[in-house]
């Protein structure tokens, strides 16, 4: 299993922990409801971990918000 570092995830979310949490939560719910996984992972890996790994690998994109 790949190690997930908070700093790497924040780089993907324009340093917004709130945006990261919202996107990861939505994606984890999709995976839990049966959406296809965008990465290779073992069957016993939790949906939350899958969502974070997908974000880390750039498989899940975040929309730019208003500044």
Protein backbone atom coordinates (compact mmCIF):
# COMPACT_ATOMS: atom_id res chain seq x y z
CA UNK A 1 0.00 0.00 0.00
CA UNK A 2 1.29 3.41 -0.93
CA UNK A 3 1.81 5.93 1.87
CA UNK A 4 -0.48 8.95 1.66
CA UNK A 5 1.01 12.24 2.86
CA UNK A 6 -1.24 15.18 3.70
CA UNK A 7 1.12 17.66 2.05
CA UNK A 8 0.92 15.82 -1.29
CA UNK A 9 -2.88 15.80 -1.14
CA UNK A 10 -2.99 19.49 -0.29
CA UNK A 11 -0.89 20.24 -3.37
CA UNK A 12 -3.64 18.62 -5.45
CA UNK A 13 -6.36 20.74 -3.79
CA UNK A 14 -4.77 24.19 -4.02
CA UNK A 15 -3.88 23.97 -0.30
CA UNK A 16 -7.54 23.82 0.71
CA UNK A 17 -8.21 21.08 3.25
CA UNK A 18 -11.94 21.77 2.96
CA UNK A 19 -12.00 21.19 -0.79
CA UNK A 20 -9.93 18.04 -0.33
CA UNK A 21 -12.33 16.64 2.27
CA UNK A 22 -15.42 17.38 0.17
CA UNK A 23 -14.00 15.76 -2.97
CA UNK A 24 -12.62 12.74 -1.10
CA UNK A 25 -15.93 12.22 0.70
CA UNK A 26 -17.97 12.36 -2.50
CA UNK A 27 -15.62 9.99 -4.29
CA UNK A 28 -15.51 7.55 -1.35
CA UNK A 29 -19.32 7.41 -1.35
CA UNK A 30 -19.31 6.69 -5.09
CA UNK A 31 -16.83 3.85 -4.60
CA UNK A 32 -18.80 2.45 -1.66
CA UNK A 33 -21.95 2.45 -3.80
CA UNK A 34 -20.25 0.41 -6.51
CA UNK A 35 -18.65 2.93 -8.88
CA UNK A 36 -15.64 1.52 -10.72
CA UNK A 37 -12.29 2.13 -9.07
CA UNK A 38 -9.90 4.32 -11.03
CA UNK A 39 -6.82 2.68 -9.52
CA UNK A 40 -5.69 -0.88 -8.88
CA UNK A 41 -6.29 -1.81 -5.24
CA UNK A 42 -6.97 -4.93 -3.24
CA UNK A 43 -10.56 -5.82 -2.47
CA UNK A 44 -10.20 -5.14 1.27
CA UNK A 45 -9.03 -1.51 0.88
CA UNK A 46 -11.54 0.95 2.31
CA UNK A 47 -13.37 3.37 -0.04
CA UNK A 48 -11.89 6.38 1.76
CA UNK A 49 -8.36 5.16 1.12
CA UNK A 50 -9.19 4.45 -2.51
CA UNK A 51 -10.58 7.98 -2.93
CA UNK A 52 -7.45 9.55 -1.42
CA UNK A 53 -5.16 7.44 -3.61
CA UNK A 54 -7.17 8.39 -6.71
CA UNK A 55 -6.80 12.07 -5.82
CA UNK A 56 -3.09 11.62 -5.14
CA UNK A 57 -2.54 9.95 -8.52
CA UNK A 58 -4.51 12.63 -10.35
CA UNK A 59 -7.38 10.34 -11.39
CA UNK A 60 -9.94 12.57 -9.66
CA UNK A 61 -9.82 16.23 -10.61
CA UNK A 62 -11.00 19.16 -8.52
CA UNK A 63 -12.75 22.13 -10.03
CA UNK A 64 -11.21 25.52 -9.43
CA UNK A 65 -13.30 27.59 -7.06
CA UNK A 66 -13.87 31.30 -6.97
CA UNK A 67 -11.12 33.28 -5.28
